[in-house]
Amino acid sequence: MQLVIGNKNYSSWSMRPWVLMRQLGLHFEEVKLRFDDSKRSGFARAAAHFTPAGLVPVLLDDDFAVWDSLAICEYLNDKFPGHGVWPEEMRQRARARSLAAEMHAGFRALRSHCPMNIEASLPEAGARVWAAHEAVRNDVARIEVMWVEALLASGGPFLFGEFGAADAMYAPVCMRMLSYALPAPAATRGYIERVAASAGVAAWIADARAEHDFIDIAEPYRKAP
C-alpha cells in the first residue's frame, strides 16, 4: 500500500490515516506532495494523478485508490479486521464512528482560525482567536465534552481504550490545542499529551518539525519561519 499525503506540518487530513496506520503497524509507503502557491497548481496536478478529487490523502492498494481520510479508515477496517481501527463492541464502534464523523464534518471555526501548524508556537495568536471568536470556544467545548465522556466510558488511555480511528481523527485537534496553547482542563490536557506521545503521532510530529518548509498560504500568523 501507498499513502499519498501533503506537508506534514500543515496537512491535518493527511495526518489522520498516516498516524493510524503507523500506530497499528500497517505497513505502507509514503508518497509526499508539497503544497505550493495560492492556487496550489503544481500540487493539484500531482494529486490529480492519484485521484480525480485532486486532494490528499489518498490510499493506493495496488491499482485501487481510496481518497478521504474517513473512507480510508473504513477501507483499512475492512482490509485488516481485528486490527483495532474501530472498537470491537458494536455500540462502542458506532459511538467511535459518530465522533469521527462529527470531526469530519464539523468544527469549522476551530479549523479555520487555527490551521494546523505543528512546527510553530503560536500562543499569542491562540489567545487572540480565543478572545475574539465565540465559535472557536464553542467548538473546543463540544470536543472536550465528547472526549471526557468517551474517556470515562472506556477508562482510557485513549477515547475507546486503545488508539484507534477516532483518536487519529482528533489528532490534528490535539496539535492545534498545543500549537495555539488553547485552554483545556486537566482531563483533556492529559489526553492531548497521550495522543502527542503515541508512537504514530510522535513520528509524524518529528517529521513535521524536520520539514522546515515555510509555505505562505498555510501561514496566516507568521511572516517567516
Protein backbone atom coordinates (compact mmCIF):
# COMPACT_ATOMS: atom_id res chain seq x y z
CA MET A 1 0.00 0.00 0.00
CA GLN A 2 0.98 3.61 -0.59
CA LEU A 3 -0.36 6.68 1.22
CA VAL A 4 -0.23 9.97 -0.65
CA ILE A 5 -0.02 12.94 1.72
CA GLY A 6 0.77 16.65 1.83
CA ASN A 7 3.22 18.57 4.03
CA LYS A 8 3.26 17.05 7.50
CA ASN A 9 3.47 20.42 9.21
CA TYR A 10 0.22 21.63 7.66
CA SER A 11 -1.84 18.73 6.27
CA SER A 12 -4.26 17.74 9.01
CA TRP A 13 -6.29 15.44 6.76
CA SER A 14 -3.14 13.58 5.67
CA MET A 15 -2.14 13.16 9.30
CA ARG A 16 -5.20 11.13 10.22
CA PRO A 17 -4.73 7.92 8.20
CA TRP A 18 -0.91 8.15 8.43
CA VAL A 19 -0.81 8.11 12.22
CA LEU A 20 -3.48 5.41 12.38
CA MET A 21 -1.59 3.09 10.04
CA ARG A 22 1.71 3.78 11.78
CA GLN A 23 0.22 3.23 15.24
CA LEU A 24 -1.46 -0.05 14.24
CA GLY A 25 1.61 -1.39 12.46
CA LEU A 26 0.03 -1.42 8.99
CA HIS A 27 2.90 -1.21 6.53
CA PHE A 28 2.78 1.36 3.73
CA GLU A 29 4.97 3.52 1.54
CA GLU A 30 4.66 7.27 1.97
CA VAL A 31 4.29 9.50 -1.09
CA LYS A 32 4.50 13.19 -0.13
CA LEU A 33 3.34 16.02 -2.36
CA ARG A 34 4.41 19.54 -1.47
CA PHE A 35 1.84 22.30 -1.18
CA ASP A 36 2.85 25.23 -3.36
CA ASP A 37 1.32 28.57 -4.41
CA SER A 38 -2.04 30.13 -3.63
CA LYS A 39 -3.73 28.10 -6.34
CA ARG A 40 -1.68 25.02 -5.47
CA SER A 41 -1.40 24.36 -9.21
CA GLY A 42 1.62 22.07 -9.05
CA PHE A 43 0.20 20.24 -6.08
CA ALA A 44 -3.21 19.90 -7.73
CA ARG A 45 -1.70 18.46 -10.90
CA ALA A 46 0.33 15.96 -8.92
CA ALA A 47 -2.62 14.96 -6.72
CA ALA A 48 -4.86 14.54 -9.76
CA HIS A 49 -2.51 11.79 -10.90
CA PHE A 50 -3.75 9.70 -7.97
CA THR A 51 -7.40 10.75 -7.66
CA PRO A 52 -9.88 12.85 -9.64
CA ALA A 53 -10.61 14.77 -6.43
CA GLY A 54 -7.13 16.26 -6.63
CA LEU A 55 -6.77 16.21 -2.85
CA VAL A 56 -4.83 14.31 -0.21
CA PRO A 57 -4.77 11.87 1.48
CA VAL A 58 -5.12 9.02 -0.99
CA LEU A 59 -4.56 5.37 -0.14
CA LEU A 60 -3.33 3.24 -3.05
CA ASP A 61 -3.79 -0.50 -2.73
CA ASP A 62 -2.32 -1.99 -5.90
CA ASP A 63 -4.30 -0.20 -8.64
CA PHE A 64 -7.20 0.81 -6.38
CA ALA A 65 -7.40 4.34 -4.93
CA VAL A 66 -9.31 5.39 -1.81
CA TRP A 67 -9.45 9.10 -1.00
CA ASP A 68 -10.81 10.97 2.01
CA SER A 69 -9.45 10.20 5.47
CA LEU A 70 -12.64 8.68 6.86
CA ALA A 71 -13.13 6.49 3.78
CA ILE A 72 -9.53 5.30 4.19
CA CYS A 73 -10.24 4.36 7.82
CA GLU A 74 -13.22 2.29 6.73
CA TYR A 75 -11.21 0.60 4.00
CA LEU A 76 -8.47 -0.29 6.48
CA ASN A 77 -11.07 -1.69 8.87
CA ASP A 78 -12.41 -3.96 6.12
CA LYS A 79 -8.95 -4.98 4.91
CA PHE A 80 -7.50 -5.60 8.38
CA PRO A 81 -10.36 -6.81 10.60
CA GLY A 82 -9.44 -7.13 14.25
CA HIS A 83 -6.50 -4.72 13.99
CA GLY A 84 -8.17 -2.07 16.14
CA VAL A 85 -9.26 0.53 13.61
CA TRP A 86 -12.65 0.67 15.34
CA PRO A 87 -13.74 -0.85 18.68
CA GLU A 88 -14.93 -4.47 18.56
CA GLU A 89 -18.14 -3.92 20.55
CA MET A 90 -21.00 -2.78 18.32
CA ARG A 91 -22.22 0.24 20.29
CA GLN A 92 -18.73 1.46 21.06
CA ARG A 93 -17.88 1.09 17.38
CA ALA A 94 -20.96 3.14 16.46
CA ARG A 95 -20.05 5.80 19.02
CA ALA A 96 -16.47 5.98 17.75
CA ARG A 97 -17.77 6.42 14.22
CA SER A 98 -20.13 9.15 15.42
CA LEU A 99 -17.27 11.08 16.99
CA ALA A 100 -15.13 10.64 13.88
CA ALA A 101 -17.95 11.75 11.59
CA GLU A 102 -18.61 14.84 13.72
CA MET A 103 -14.93 15.76 13.39
CA HIS A 104 -15.02 15.08 9.67
CA ALA A 105 -17.99 17.36 9.04
CA GLY A 106 -17.73 19.98 11.76
CA PHE A 107 -15.67 22.32 13.91
CA ARG A 108 -15.08 24.68 11.01
CA ALA A 109 -14.35 27.66 13.25
CA LEU A 110 -11.50 25.89 15.01
CA ARG A 111 -10.13 24.53 11.76
CA SER A 112 -10.39 27.90 10.01
CA HIS A 113 -8.99 30.17 12.72
CA CYS A 114 -6.36 27.73 14.00
CA PRO A 115 -4.93 25.93 10.95
CA MET A 116 -2.62 23.08 11.88
CA ASN A 117 0.97 24.23 12.21
CA ILE A 118 2.98 21.73 14.25
CA GLU A 119 6.33 23.47 13.92
CA ALA A 120 5.07 26.83 15.17
CA SER A 121 4.46 28.04 18.72
CA LEU A 122 1.55 30.48 18.48
CA PRO A 123 0.19 31.19 21.97
CA GLU A 124 -0.34 34.90 21.22
CA ALA A 125 -2.37 34.11 18.11
CA GLY A 126 -4.26 31.48 20.07
CA ALA A 127 -5.13 33.98 22.81
CA ARG A 128 -6.42 36.47 20.22
CA VAL A 129 -8.50 33.84 18.46
CA TRP A 130 -9.88 32.55 21.76
CA ALA A 131 -10.93 36.03 22.86
CA ALA A 132 -12.39 37.10 19.52
CA HIS A 133 -14.27 34.03 18.29
CA GLU A 134 -17.06 32.52 20.32
CA ALA A 135 -17.46 29.82 17.64
CA VAL A 136 -13.94 28.58 18.36
CA ARG A 137 -14.68 28.40 22.08
CA ASN A 138 -17.90 26.53 21.30
CA ASP A 139 -16.06 24.05 19.08
CA VAL A 140 -13.49 23.32 21.77
CA ALA A 141 -16.17 22.97 24.43
CA ARG A 142 -18.06 20.43 22.33
CA ILE A 143 -14.90 18.46 21.59
CA GLU A 144 -13.98 18.35 25.27
CA VAL A 145 -17.42 17.03 26.22
CA MET A 146 -17.07 14.20 23.72
CA TRP A 147 -13.56 13.39 24.84
CA VAL A 148 -14.40 13.31 28.54
CA GLU A 149 -17.49 11.15 28.00
CA ALA A 150 -15.58 8.65 25.87
CA LEU A 151 -12.61 8.51 28.24
CA LEU A 152 -14.84 7.96 31.27
CA ALA A 153 -16.79 5.21 29.50
CA SER A 154 -13.71 3.39 28.21
CA GLY A 155 -11.31 4.01 31.07
CA GLY A 156 -8.74 5.34 28.59
CA PRO A 157 -5.95 5.92 27.93
CA PHE A 158 -7.44 6.80 24.53
CA LEU A 159 -11.02 7.56 23.58
CA PHE A 160 -12.12 3.94 23.26
CA GLY A 161 -9.35 2.24 25.19
CA GLU A 162 -6.58 1.61 22.69
CA PHE A 163 -5.57 4.10 20.00
CA GLY A 164 -7.90 3.81 17.01
CA ALA A 165 -9.51 5.74 14.18
CA ALA A 166 -11.39 8.11 16.50
CA ASP A 167 -8.12 9.20 18.11
CA ALA A 168 -6.48 9.57 14.69
CA MET A 169 -9.33 11.79 13.54
CA TYR A 170 -8.82 14.11 16.54
CA ALA A 171 -5.01 14.06 16.49
CA PRO A 172 -4.84 17.32 14.47
CA VAL A 173 -7.14 18.94 17.05
CA CYS A 174 -4.60 17.96 19.70
CA MET A 175 -1.88 19.57 17.58
CA ARG A 176 -3.90 22.78 17.34
CA MET A 177 -4.50 22.83 21.08
CA LEU A 178 -0.76 22.58 21.66
CA SER A 179 0.44 24.99 18.96
CA TYR A 180 -2.04 27.71 19.90
CA ALA A 181 -2.00 26.98 23.65
CA LEU A 182 -5.78 26.89 23.77
CA PRO A 183 -7.30 26.43 27.24
CA ALA A 184 -8.00 22.85 28.25
CA PRO A 185 -8.98 21.28 31.60
CA ALA A 186 -6.76 18.67 33.18
CA ALA A 187 -8.69 15.66 31.88
CA THR A 188 -8.44 16.70 28.26
CA ARG A 189 -4.92 18.07 28.65
CA GLY A 190 -3.81 14.61 29.73
CA TYR A 191 -5.47 13.07 26.70
CA ILE A 192 -3.80 15.58 24.37
CA GLU A 193 -0.42 14.73 25.85
CA ARG A 194 -1.02 10.98 25.48
CA VAL A 195 -2.01 11.41 21.85
CA ALA A 196 1.09 13.51 21.16
CA ALA A 197 3.29 10.89 22.82
CA SER A 198 1.77 7.90 20.98
CA ALA A 199 4.17 6.24 18.56
CA GLY A 200 2.37 7.17 15.34
CA VAL A 201 1.69 10.78 16.29
CA ALA A 202 5.16 11.30 17.74
CA ALA A 203 6.69 10.08 14.48
CA TRP A 204 4.52 12.47 12.47
CA ILE A 205 5.43 15.39 14.78
CA ALA A 206 9.15 14.64 14.40
CA ASP A 207 8.85 14.58 10.61
CA ALA A 208 6.78 17.79 10.58
CA ARG A 209 9.36 19.63 12.65
CA ALA A 210 12.13 18.41 10.34
CA GLU A 211 10.47 19.72 7.15
CA HIS A 212 11.42 23.40 7.58
CA ASP A 213 9.25 24.19 4.57
CA PHE A 214 7.62 27.59 5.03
CA ILE A 215 4.55 27.98 2.78
CA ASP A 216 2.92 31.42 2.81
CA ILE A 217 -0.63 30.28 2.09
CA ALA A 218 -0.57 28.00 5.13
CA GLU A 219 0.84 30.66 7.47
CA PRO A 220 -1.73 33.28 8.50
CA TYR A 221 0.14 34.12 11.72
CA ARG A 222 3.83 34.06 10.77
CA LYS A 223 5.76 36.20 8.30
CA ALA A 224 8.75 33.83 8.30
CA PRO A 225 9.73 30.56 9.94
